[in-house]
Structures are given as C-alpha cells and as structure tokens.
Amino acid sequence: MAVSHCYHLADLPDGMDKTKLMPVDPYSLQPVDRFSDRADNYLRYRPSYPAEVVGFFEGRLGLRPHHQLADMGAGTGLFARLFLEKGYKVICIEPNEAMRQAGMEGLQYFPGFLSVAEPAEQTGLPDHSIDFITAAQSFHWMEPVATRWEFLRILRPGGHIVLLWNRLQAGTPFLQAYAALKKKHTRPGMQPIILLQTG
C-alpha cells in the first residue's frame, strides 16, 4: 500500500500556478468529529450499495458463512447491512459515537452484528481474527500507514482487504442539474479540491 499525501487547492488567485500545492494534514479536516451532526441525514439520504456486491464477495473472493467481516469506518452501517441481511457476521468499527449509535439502532437485531467504538488505525480486535476487512467510502479518512499495519495485524492468512467507493454515473439528468446548481451557487475559488498523490 502506497503512502498517500493529501493536498488542498483552495482560494488560489486567478493566474497562480496550480501546480504549487499546499500540504494539508488530513486530520485537520476532523475526520471523526465532522459527522456527529449528520447521522440522521446519512440514514435518510446516503445512497446504499448494490446488493450484487455480496455475490461478488461470495463468487470472486470466496466469502463463506463462517467468515468474519470487519467494516472500517462503518458509519450508520449501510454497507454492513447488505451482509448482515444474508446472515454474515460483521464487526462495525466506527469511532464517531453519533454515527455508531445510529448504526446500532438499525442493526442491533441482526445476530451477526457487533459494534466497536474504535478507529481503523487501532481497532482493538485480536490478531489474525478477521477474514474480510472492508472500508466502504471511508478509507480516505484513515491515516494510511497506521491503518495498513492494523489491517495486516488483524487479517487472517489468506484474508481480503476490500476498499470500496460508490461512483456517480455521469450524464444523468439529475447529475447534470446537480452540477449546474453547484456551479450557480459556488463562488470561484471557494470550492476545495482534494488531490491525492501516491509516493
């Protein structure tokens, strides 16, 4: 896993060389606390993941009922729910208490569900106890080096680490209208752009 450096282009004056990037500490973005007031909105409006992802895990990665999954940065449990509904065991690792509580309310009735209030960088899980580690739309908030070592510590031999992101489909009428709305209400130079550079 390559170490990523996060750079932030914000409020650069017109004509300034945009190749001059300023390093940004990802933790200055408060990756844990920034979601405390958004748990309800996540439950209502955050898109889920395709149900076919479970079949992909079963068919291509060999997921079986006895395997233990750990979903890092699980939030309200949108991704974990897909597996819990199929009877799989999922440990949801979520450091934000409001998001974790929202997940617990919706997932507590699944027998394979467990919630842990820890960050991905230090889960507290036993060594070599996890068959599948997932991070669905959350890995970019984790410190990559510490997370890598923690994943290697808790992963069983032959296990899988799967990082997932939902991608927007380009060209739909909704996304075209959304892009026009953002453009209309965003002043030039006010919208931050995050660039990732691996090294």
C-alpha atoms as a PDB file:
ATOM      1  CA  MET A   1       0.000   0.000   0.000  1.00  0.00           C
ATOM      2  CA  ALA A   2       1.494   3.345  -1.037  1.00  0.00           C
ATOM      3  CA  VAL A   3       1.573   6.215   1.388  1.00  0.00           C
ATOM      4  CA  SER A   4      -0.779   8.984   0.258  1.00  0.00           C
ATOM      5  CA  HIS A   5      -0.238  12.667   0.759  1.00  0.00           C
ATOM      6  CA  CYS A   6      -3.263  14.930   0.728  1.00  0.00           C
ATOM      7  CA  TYR A   7      -3.008  18.320  -0.940  1.00  0.00           C
ATOM      8  CA  HIS A   8      -5.596  21.076  -0.890  1.00  0.00           C
ATOM      9  CA  LEU A   9      -6.158  23.660  -3.623  1.00  0.00           C
ATOM     10  CA  ALA A  10      -8.316  26.386  -2.178  1.00  0.00           C
ATOM     11  CA  ASP A  11      -8.782  30.035  -2.964  1.00  0.00           C
ATOM     12  CA  LEU A  12      -5.856  30.224  -5.384  1.00  0.00           C
ATOM     13  CA  PRO A  13      -5.833  33.619  -7.111  1.00  0.00           C
ATOM     14  CA  ASP A  14      -6.505  33.694 -10.851  1.00  0.00           C
ATOM     15  CA  GLY A  15      -3.341  33.137 -12.833  1.00  0.00           C
ATOM     16  CA  MET A  16      -1.500  31.407  -9.976  1.00  0.00           C
ATOM     17  CA  ASP A  17       0.353  28.236 -10.893  1.00  0.00           C
ATOM     18  CA  LYS A  18      -1.981  25.480  -9.716  1.00  0.00           C
ATOM     19  CA  THR A  19       0.897  23.016  -9.627  1.00  0.00           C
ATOM     20  CA  LYS A  20       2.063  24.713  -6.409  1.00  0.00           C
ATOM     21  CA  LEU A  21       0.128  22.614  -3.940  1.00  0.00           C
ATOM     22  CA  MET A  22      -0.025  23.198  -0.213  1.00  0.00           C
ATOM     23  CA  PRO A  23       0.259  20.121   2.023  1.00  0.00           C
ATOM     24  CA  VAL A  24      -2.804  19.545   4.191  1.00  0.00           C
ATOM     25  CA  ASP A  25      -2.892  17.407   7.285  1.00  0.00           C
ATOM     26  CA  PRO A  26      -5.915  15.097   6.731  1.00  0.00           C
ATOM     27  CA  TYR A  27      -6.627  15.215  10.462  1.00  0.00           C
ATOM     28  CA  SER A  28      -7.136  18.990  10.269  1.00  0.00           C
ATOM     29  CA  LEU A  29     -10.352  18.047   8.441  1.00  0.00           C
ATOM     30  CA  GLN A  30     -11.521  16.339  11.672  1.00  0.00           C
ATOM     31  CA  PRO A  31     -12.433  13.007  10.079  1.00  0.00           C
ATOM     32  CA  VAL A  32     -14.095  11.654  13.227  1.00  0.00           C
ATOM     33  CA  ASP A  33     -15.992  14.610  14.663  1.00  0.00           C
ATOM     34  CA  ARG A  34     -17.153  16.147  11.374  1.00  0.00           C
ATOM     35  CA  PHE A  35     -20.006  13.608  11.041  1.00  0.00           C
ATOM     36  CA  SER A  36     -21.523  13.979  14.520  1.00  0.00           C
ATOM     37  CA  ASP A  37     -24.388  16.175  13.327  1.00  0.00           C
ATOM     38  CA  ARG A  38     -25.020  14.194  10.112  1.00  0.00           C
ATOM     39  CA  ALA A  39     -26.079  10.749  11.295  1.00  0.00           C
ATOM     40  CA  ASP A  40     -29.795  11.361  10.646  1.00  0.00           C
ATOM     41  CA  ASN A  41     -29.076  12.640   7.136  1.00  0.00           C
ATOM     42  CA  TYR A  42     -26.908   9.607   6.423  1.00  0.00           C
ATOM     43  CA  LEU A  43     -29.749   7.322   7.422  1.00  0.00           C
ATOM     44  CA  ARG A  44     -32.247   9.182   5.234  1.00  0.00           C
ATOM     45  CA  TYR A  45     -30.295  10.234   2.159  1.00  0.00           C
ATOM     46  CA  ARG A  46     -26.975   8.422   1.804  1.00  0.00           C
ATOM     47  CA  PRO A  47     -27.153   6.023  -1.148  1.00  0.00           C
ATOM     48  CA  SER A  48     -26.606   2.384  -0.306  1.00  0.00           C
ATOM     49  CA  TYR A  49     -24.518  -0.078  -2.268  1.00  0.00           C
ATOM     50  CA  PRO A  50     -25.600  -2.528  -4.964  1.00  0.00           C
ATOM     51  CA  ALA A  51     -26.934  -5.770  -3.470  1.00  0.00           C
ATOM     52  CA  GLU A  52     -24.803  -7.615  -6.053  1.00  0.00           C
ATOM     53  CA  VAL A  53     -21.701  -6.776  -4.017  1.00  0.00           C
ATOM     54  CA  VAL A  54     -22.460  -9.720  -1.701  1.00  0.00           C
ATOM     55  CA  GLY A  55     -22.496 -12.094  -4.678  1.00  0.00           C
ATOM     56  CA  PHE A  56     -19.168 -10.647  -5.807  1.00  0.00           C
ATOM     57  CA  PHE A  57     -17.662 -11.370  -2.387  1.00  0.00           C
ATOM     58  CA  GLU A  58     -19.069 -14.916  -2.470  1.00  0.00           C
ATOM     59  CA  GLY A  59     -18.232 -15.769  -6.058  1.00  0.00           C
ATOM     60  CA  ARG A  60     -14.962 -13.938  -6.655  1.00  0.00           C
ATOM     61  CA  LEU A  61     -13.456 -13.679  -3.166  1.00  0.00           C
ATOM     62  CA  GLY A  62     -14.727 -16.897  -1.605  1.00  0.00           C
ATOM     63  CA  LEU A  63     -16.829 -15.417   1.206  1.00  0.00           C
ATOM     64  CA  ARG A  64     -18.467 -18.211   3.249  1.00  0.00           C
ATOM     65  CA  PRO A  65     -20.881 -18.186   6.223  1.00  0.00           C
ATOM     66  CA  HIS A  66     -18.148 -18.973   8.776  1.00  0.00           C
ATOM     67  CA  HIS A  67     -16.037 -15.951   7.762  1.00  0.00           C
ATOM     68  CA  GLN A  68     -15.772 -12.872   9.961  1.00  0.00           C
ATOM     69  CA  LEU A  69     -16.044  -9.447   8.335  1.00  0.00           C
ATOM     70  CA  ALA A  70     -14.917  -6.120   9.830  1.00  0.00           C
ATOM     71  CA  ASP A  71     -16.258  -2.944   8.241  1.00  0.00           C
ATOM     72  CA  MET A  72     -13.962   0.012   8.964  1.00  0.00           C
ATOM     73  CA  GLY A  73     -15.481   3.462   9.282  1.00  0.00           C
ATOM     74  CA  ALA A  74     -18.843   1.713   9.176  1.00  0.00           C
ATOM     75  CA  GLY A  75     -20.836   4.872   9.880  1.00  0.00           C
ATOM     76  CA  THR A  76     -24.536   4.064  10.127  1.00  0.00           C
ATOM     77  CA  GLY A  77     -23.958   0.554   8.769  1.00  0.00           C
ATOM     78  CA  LEU A  78     -25.174   0.935   5.177  1.00  0.00           C
ATOM     79  CA  PHE A  79     -22.553  -1.426   3.771  1.00  0.00           C
ATOM     80  CA  ALA A  80     -22.596  -3.868   6.690  1.00  0.00           C
ATOM     81  CA  ARG A  81     -26.379  -4.254   6.385  1.00  0.00           C
ATOM     82  CA  LEU A  82     -26.017  -5.978   2.990  1.00  0.00           C
ATOM     83  CA  PHE A  83     -24.020  -8.783   4.600  1.00  0.00           C
ATOM     84  CA  LEU A  84     -25.978  -8.930   7.841  1.00  0.00           C
ATOM     85  CA  GLU A  85     -29.198  -9.433   5.855  1.00  0.00           C
ATOM     86  CA  LYS A  86     -27.582 -12.526   4.292  1.00  0.00           C
ATOM     87  CA  GLY A  87     -26.642 -13.942   7.700  1.00  0.00           C
ATOM     88  CA  TYR A  88     -22.955 -12.983   7.743  1.00  0.00           C
ATOM     89  CA  LYS A  89     -21.065 -11.832  10.856  1.00  0.00           C
ATOM     90  CA  VAL A  90     -19.922  -8.194  10.664  1.00  0.00           C
ATOM     91  CA  ILE A  91     -17.994  -6.170  13.230  1.00  0.00           C
ATOM     92  CA  CYS A  92     -18.678  -2.486  12.563  1.00  0.00           C
ATOM     93  CA  ILE A  93     -15.698  -0.328  13.530  1.00  0.00           C
ATOM     94  CA  GLU A  94     -16.811   3.298  13.919  1.00  0.00           C
ATOM     95  CA  PRO A  95     -15.074   6.000  16.008  1.00  0.00           C
ATOM     96  CA  ASN A  96     -17.858   8.602  15.753  1.00  0.00           C
ATOM     97  CA  GLU A  97     -20.347   7.981  18.536  1.00  0.00           C
ATOM     98  CA  ALA A  98     -23.377   9.568  16.841  1.00  0.00           C
ATOM     99  CA  MET A  99     -22.861   7.537  13.662  1.00  0.00           C
ATOM    100  CA  ARG A 100     -22.178   4.382  15.674  1.00  0.00           C
ATOM    101  CA  GLN A 101     -25.362   4.819  17.732  1.00  0.00           C
ATOM    102  CA  ALA A 102     -27.408   5.321  14.565  1.00  0.00           C
ATOM    103  CA  GLY A 103     -25.916   2.112  13.188  1.00  0.00           C
ATOM    104  CA  MET A 104     -26.626   0.216  16.379  1.00  0.00           C
ATOM    105  CA  GLU A 105     -30.275   1.270  16.343  1.00  0.00           C
ATOM    106  CA  GLY A 106     -30.752  -0.107  12.844  1.00  0.00           C
ATOM    107  CA  LEU A 107     -28.560  -3.212  13.037  1.00  0.00           C
ATOM    108  CA  GLN A 108     -28.842  -4.473  16.626  1.00  0.00           C
ATOM    109  CA  TYR A 109     -31.428  -7.099  15.695  1.00  0.00           C
ATOM    110  CA  PHE A 110     -29.074  -8.982  13.382  1.00  0.00           C
ATOM    111  CA  PRO A 111     -27.443 -11.860  15.290  1.00  0.00           C
ATOM    112  CA  GLY A 112     -24.121 -11.418  13.454  1.00  0.00           C
ATOM    113  CA  PHE A 113     -23.776  -7.722  14.295  1.00  0.00           C
ATOM    114  CA  LEU A 114     -21.183  -6.270  16.675  1.00  0.00           C
ATOM    115  CA  SER A 115     -20.270  -2.587  17.049  1.00  0.00           C
ATOM    116  CA  VAL A 116     -16.873  -1.349  18.247  1.00  0.00           C
ATOM    117  CA  ALA A 117     -16.145   2.306  19.081  1.00  0.00           C
ATOM    118  CA  GLU A 118     -12.576   2.487  17.799  1.00  0.00           C
ATOM    119  CA  PRO A 119     -10.740   3.976  14.816  1.00  0.00           C
ATOM    120  CA  ALA A 120      -9.476   1.826  11.946  1.00  0.00           C
ATOM    121  CA  GLU A 121      -5.904   2.610  12.964  1.00  0.00           C
ATOM    122  CA  GLN A 122      -6.347   0.895  16.342  1.00  0.00           C
ATOM    123  CA  THR A 123      -9.380  -1.401  16.344  1.00  0.00           C
ATOM    124  CA  GLY A 124      -8.622  -3.390  19.477  1.00  0.00           C
ATOM    125  CA  LEU A 125      -9.529  -6.598  17.609  1.00  0.00           C
ATOM    126  CA  PRO A 126      -7.452  -9.730  18.261  1.00  0.00           C
ATOM    127  CA  ASP A 127      -4.545 -10.622  15.987  1.00  0.00           C
ATOM    128  CA  HIS A 128      -5.476 -12.588  12.857  1.00  0.00           C
ATOM    129  CA  SER A 129      -9.189 -12.643  13.696  1.00  0.00           C
ATOM    130  CA  ILE A 130     -10.739 -11.185  10.521  1.00  0.00           C
ATOM    131  CA  ASP A 131     -11.269 -12.828   7.118  1.00  0.00           C
ATOM    132  CA  PHE A 132     -12.567  -9.774   5.240  1.00  0.00           C
ATOM    133  CA  ILE A 133     -11.736  -6.155   6.022  1.00  0.00           C
ATOM    134  CA  THR A 134     -13.892  -3.612   4.218  1.00  0.00           C
ATOM    135  CA  ALA A 135     -13.862   0.171   4.053  1.00  0.00           C
ATOM    136  CA  ALA A 136     -16.829   1.495   2.101  1.00  0.00           C
ATOM    137  CA  GLN A 137     -16.398   5.178   1.272  1.00  0.00           C
ATOM    138  CA  SER A 138     -14.295   5.660   4.374  1.00  0.00           C
ATOM    139  CA  PHE A 139     -10.666   4.742   3.680  1.00  0.00           C
ATOM    140  CA  HIS A 140      -9.731   8.285   2.602  1.00  0.00           C
ATOM    141  CA  TRP A 141     -10.404   9.438   6.196  1.00  0.00           C
ATOM    142  CA  MET A 142      -7.912   6.954   7.677  1.00  0.00           C
ATOM    143  CA  GLU A 143      -4.220   7.508   8.288  1.00  0.00           C
ATOM    144  CA  PRO A 144      -2.810   5.145   5.644  1.00  0.00           C
ATOM    145  CA  VAL A 145       0.371   3.879   7.309  1.00  0.00           C
ATOM    146  CA  ALA A 146      -1.132   3.105  10.728  1.00  0.00           C
ATOM    147  CA  THR A 147      -4.222   1.637   9.050  1.00  0.00           C
ATOM    148  CA  ARG A 148      -2.114  -0.638   6.856  1.00  0.00           C
ATOM    149  CA  TRP A 149      -0.297  -2.074   9.858  1.00  0.00           C
ATOM    150  CA  GLU A 150      -3.525  -2.560  11.783  1.00  0.00           C
ATOM    151  CA  PHE A 151      -5.164  -4.311   8.825  1.00  0.00           C
ATOM    152  CA  LEU A 152      -2.188  -6.645   8.480  1.00  0.00           C
ATOM    153  CA  ARG A 153      -2.277  -7.362  12.223  1.00  0.00           C
ATOM    154  CA  ILE A 154      -5.956  -8.359  12.382  1.00  0.00           C
ATOM    155  CA  LEU A 155      -6.251 -10.079   8.975  1.00  0.00           C
ATOM    156  CA  ARG A 156      -6.135 -13.864   8.895  1.00  0.00           C
ATOM    157  CA  PRO A 157      -3.730 -15.503   6.426  1.00  0.00           C
ATOM    158  CA  GLY A 158      -5.458 -15.659   3.047  1.00  0.00           C
ATOM    159  CA  GLY A 159      -7.919 -12.911   4.028  1.00  0.00           C
ATOM    160  CA  HIS A 160      -9.019  -9.979   1.891  1.00  0.00           C
ATOM    161  CA  ILE A 161      -8.922  -6.196   2.252  1.00  0.00           C
ATOM    162  CA  VAL A 162     -11.574  -4.516   0.092  1.00  0.00           C
ATOM    163  CA  LEU A 163     -11.795  -0.729  -0.318  1.00  0.00           C
ATOM    164  CA  LEU A 164     -14.999   0.494  -1.990  1.00  0.00           C
ATOM    165  CA  TRP A 165     -16.462   3.744  -3.246  1.00  0.00           C
ATOM    166  CA  ASN A 166     -19.795   4.476  -4.912  1.00  0.00           C
ATOM    167  CA  ARG A 167     -19.163   6.288  -8.194  1.00  0.00           C
ATOM    168  CA  LEU A 168     -21.654   8.706  -9.653  1.00  0.00           C
ATOM    169  CA  GLN A 169     -22.930   7.863 -13.116  1.00  0.00           C
ATOM    170  CA  ALA A 170     -22.110  10.694 -15.469  1.00  0.00           C
ATOM    171  CA  GLY A 171     -24.642  12.165 -17.827  1.00  0.00           C
ATOM    172  CA  THR A 172     -27.892  11.544 -15.949  1.00  0.00           C
ATOM    173  CA  PRO A 173     -30.394  14.440 -15.897  1.00  0.00           C
ATOM    174  CA  PHE A 174     -30.185  14.550 -12.091  1.00  0.00           C
ATOM    175  CA  LEU A 175     -26.385  14.873 -12.065  1.00  0.00           C
ATOM    176  CA  GLN A 176     -26.453  17.492 -14.809  1.00  0.00           C
ATOM    177  CA  ALA A 177     -28.928  19.551 -12.770  1.00  0.00           C
ATOM    178  CA  TYR A 178     -26.859  18.988  -9.617  1.00  0.00           C
ATOM    179  CA  ALA A 179     -23.674  20.175 -11.361  1.00  0.00           C
ATOM    180  CA  ALA A 180     -25.486  23.281 -12.656  1.00  0.00           C
ATOM    181  CA  LEU A 181     -26.796  24.039  -9.153  1.00  0.00           C
ATOM    182  CA  LYS A 182     -23.317  23.721  -7.637  1.00  0.00           C
ATOM    183  CA  LYS A 183     -21.816  25.922 -10.335  1.00  0.00           C
ATOM    184  CA  LYS A 184     -24.502  28.582  -9.860  1.00  0.00           C
ATOM    185  CA  HIS A 185     -24.089  28.793  -6.079  1.00  0.00           C
ATOM    186  CA  THR A 186     -20.329  28.301  -5.704  1.00  0.00           C
ATOM    187  CA  ARG A 187     -18.105  31.361  -5.967  1.00  0.00           C
ATOM    188  CA  PRO A 188     -14.903  30.889  -7.970  1.00  0.00           C
ATOM    189  CA  GLY A 189     -12.083  29.639  -5.775  1.00  0.00           C
ATOM    190  CA  MET A 190     -14.342  28.723  -2.862  1.00  0.00           C
ATOM    191  CA  GLN A 191     -14.765  25.033  -3.547  1.00  0.00           C
ATOM    192  CA  PRO A 192     -11.802  22.986  -2.260  1.00  0.00           C
ATOM    193  CA  ILE A 193     -10.273  20.379  -4.486  1.00  0.00           C
ATOM    194  CA  ILE A 194      -8.598  17.406  -2.837  1.00  0.00           C
ATOM    195  CA  LEU A 195      -5.818  15.749  -4.753  1.00  0.00           C
ATOM    196  CA  LEU A 196      -4.152  12.532  -3.737  1.00  0.00           C
ATOM    197  CA  GLN A 197      -0.600  11.862  -4.715  1.00  0.00           C
ATOM    198  CA  THR A 198       0.957   8.500  -4.023  1.00  0.00           C
ATOM    199  CA  GLY A 199       4.633   8.252  -3.356  1.00  0.00           C
END
